[in-house]
Each structure stands twice: as C-alpha cells, then as structure tokens.
C-alpha cells in the first residue's frame, strides 16, 4: 500500500497556494512526479511524489477544493509546506484541470464524485 499524506489545510498568500502537510513530514529528498490521480471513493485528488524511491500520495480532500478552485482561476503557484520547508508542485494546475475536465459528466468516476466536482469547479 502506498503511503498517504493528507493535506491539513490550504491557503493562498502572495500568489502562492500553500498546501499544509503534517509538520513531521519532511520535504527534503522529495521529488514531485508531476502527475495526479483521482480517488473517487474518498472524494480526493492525489498528487504523486517520490520519497526514497517510493511513491507517496499527497491527498487533496474535498474540504480544500474551494481554495483549489481560486488557485486554478488565478494561476497561483502550488507548493507543499510544513512550516519549515516548501516543495513546488510542477504540473499541478495542468493535471488538476485535465482531471476536472475529464470528470465532468463522466459517470465512470461515480455520480457523487461528478456531482461534487461539478458543483465546486
């Protein structure tokens, strides 16, 4: 099973989308993989990172989607942060927009996921 790191909160400051991870999750030696997935069972988007040659899922839960929407609309730069370190997330905007467009009206993701994405984005 892949390790999952849940985003605790999201905020926008100075044209940057800060995605807050647990303080004990260190961002050194982390590689952003520039890919996103969907977890329609848990109403989340997943950004892939690599830590010590293993994939880790950064879970973007439904609770932060309104902030993601604002960040997308204004092309804010997304970064992970843990109060001490930051990690830029390349291809975040492009990947998320692609997934949102693909989910709209697509019942393969489940009706509830489609409804939630369409109502938020």
Protein backbone atom coordinates (compact mmCIF):
# COMPACT_ATOMS: atom_id res chain seq x y z
CA UNK A 1 0.00 0.00 0.00
CA UNK A 2 1.24 3.47 -0.87
CA UNK A 3 1.89 5.94 1.91
CA UNK A 4 -0.69 8.72 2.04
CA UNK A 5 -0.04 12.20 3.33
CA UNK A 6 -3.19 14.26 3.81
CA UNK A 7 -3.28 17.99 3.24
CA UNK A 8 -4.41 19.53 6.52
CA UNK A 9 -5.28 22.94 5.11
CA UNK A 10 -4.80 25.15 2.09
CA UNK A 11 -4.26 28.90 1.93
CA UNK A 12 -3.34 31.48 -0.66
CA UNK A 13 -0.75 34.15 0.05
CA UNK A 14 1.29 36.27 -2.37
CA UNK A 15 0.06 34.39 -5.47
CA UNK A 16 1.06 31.05 -3.93
CA UNK A 17 -1.19 28.14 -2.98
CA UNK A 18 0.24 26.68 0.23
CA UNK A 19 -0.80 23.08 0.88
CA UNK A 20 -0.08 22.28 4.51
CA UNK A 21 1.21 18.79 5.34
CA UNK A 22 1.99 17.43 8.79
CA UNK A 23 4.96 19.18 10.41
CA UNK A 24 6.80 15.88 10.82
CA UNK A 25 6.62 15.13 7.07
CA UNK A 26 9.99 16.35 5.78
CA UNK A 27 10.21 17.73 2.27
CA UNK A 28 13.92 17.14 1.78
CA UNK A 29 14.77 14.41 -0.73
CA UNK A 30 11.21 14.55 -2.09
CA UNK A 31 10.67 14.54 -5.84
CA UNK A 32 7.46 15.93 -7.31
CA UNK A 33 6.33 13.48 -10.00
CA UNK A 34 4.17 15.95 -11.95
CA UNK A 35 1.19 13.56 -12.03
CA UNK A 36 -2.23 13.49 -10.40
CA UNK A 37 -4.82 10.79 -9.83
CA UNK A 38 -8.40 10.68 -8.58
CA UNK A 39 -9.69 8.82 -5.54
CA UNK A 40 -13.42 8.91 -6.25
CA UNK A 41 -14.19 6.64 -3.28
CA UNK A 42 -12.85 9.28 -0.87
CA UNK A 43 -13.63 12.38 -2.98
CA UNK A 44 -9.98 13.38 -3.30
CA UNK A 45 -7.40 14.32 -5.84
CA UNK A 46 -3.95 12.78 -5.40
CA UNK A 47 -0.62 14.41 -6.33
CA UNK A 48 2.25 11.92 -6.67
CA UNK A 49 5.61 12.46 -5.05
CA UNK A 50 8.58 10.18 -4.60
CA UNK A 51 10.28 9.72 -1.24
CA UNK A 52 13.30 7.42 -1.02
CA UNK A 53 12.43 5.70 -4.33
CA UNK A 54 8.83 5.02 -3.26
CA UNK A 55 5.66 6.74 -4.36
CA UNK A 56 3.70 8.71 -1.78
CA UNK A 57 0.20 10.07 -2.33
CA UNK A 58 -0.48 13.67 -1.38
CA UNK A 59 -4.23 13.59 -0.68
CA UNK A 60 -6.20 16.73 -1.57
CA UNK A 61 -9.57 16.22 0.16
CA UNK A 62 -12.87 17.77 -0.84
CA UNK A 63 -12.67 20.26 2.06
CA UNK A 64 -9.89 22.21 0.33
CA UNK A 65 -11.42 22.19 -3.17
CA UNK A 66 -12.83 25.73 -2.92
CA UNK A 67 -9.30 27.02 -2.29
CA UNK A 68 -8.00 24.90 -5.17
CA UNK A 69 -10.62 26.48 -7.42
CA UNK A 70 -9.45 30.01 -6.54
CA UNK A 71 -5.84 28.96 -7.09
CA UNK A 72 -6.66 27.50 -10.51
CA UNK A 73 -8.65 30.55 -11.59
CA UNK A 74 -5.78 32.86 -10.64
CA UNK A 75 -2.85 30.64 -11.69
CA UNK A 76 -1.33 30.62 -8.20
CA UNK A 77 1.86 28.62 -7.77
CA UNK A 78 1.20 25.47 -5.70
CA UNK A 79 3.66 24.33 -3.02
CA UNK A 80 3.64 21.82 -0.21
CA UNK A 81 4.75 23.24 3.12
CA UNK A 82 5.31 22.01 6.66
CA UNK A 83 6.05 25.29 8.50
CA UNK A 84 9.80 24.93 7.76
CA UNK A 85 10.17 23.75 4.17
CA UNK A 86 8.37 24.15 0.86
CA UNK A 87 8.26 21.99 -2.25
CA UNK A 88 6.98 23.36 -5.60
CA UNK A 89 4.47 21.11 -7.36
CA UNK A 90 5.11 21.36 -11.11
CA UNK A 91 2.27 20.44 -13.50
CA UNK A 92 -0.25 20.70 -10.64
CA UNK A 93 -2.52 23.17 -12.45
CA UNK A 94 -2.39 21.33 -15.78
CA UNK A 95 -3.01 17.92 -14.21
CA UNK A 96 -5.85 19.12 -11.99
CA UNK A 97 -7.57 20.96 -14.85
CA UNK A 98 -7.28 17.84 -17.02
CA UNK A 99 -8.84 15.66 -14.32
CA UNK A 100 -11.66 18.13 -13.63
CA UNK A 101 -12.48 18.31 -17.35
CA UNK A 102 -12.41 14.53 -17.60
CA UNK A 103 -14.67 14.02 -14.55
CA UNK A 104 -17.40 16.44 -15.67
CA UNK A 105 -20.32 14.39 -16.96
CA UNK A 106 -18.29 11.14 -16.75
CA UNK A 107 -20.17 8.57 -14.67
CA UNK A 108 -17.10 6.30 -14.61
CA UNK A 109 -15.97 8.33 -11.58
CA UNK A 110 -19.28 7.72 -9.81
CA UNK A 111 -22.24 10.06 -9.69
CA UNK A 112 -21.31 11.51 -6.30
CA UNK A 113 -17.78 12.44 -7.45
CA UNK A 114 -19.13 14.01 -10.66
CA UNK A 115 -21.68 15.99 -8.65
CA UNK A 116 -19.09 17.26 -6.17
CA UNK A 117 -16.59 18.25 -8.89
CA UNK A 118 -19.25 19.97 -10.99
CA UNK A 119 -20.62 21.90 -8.03
CA UNK A 120 -17.19 23.07 -6.86
CA UNK A 121 -15.30 23.66 -10.09
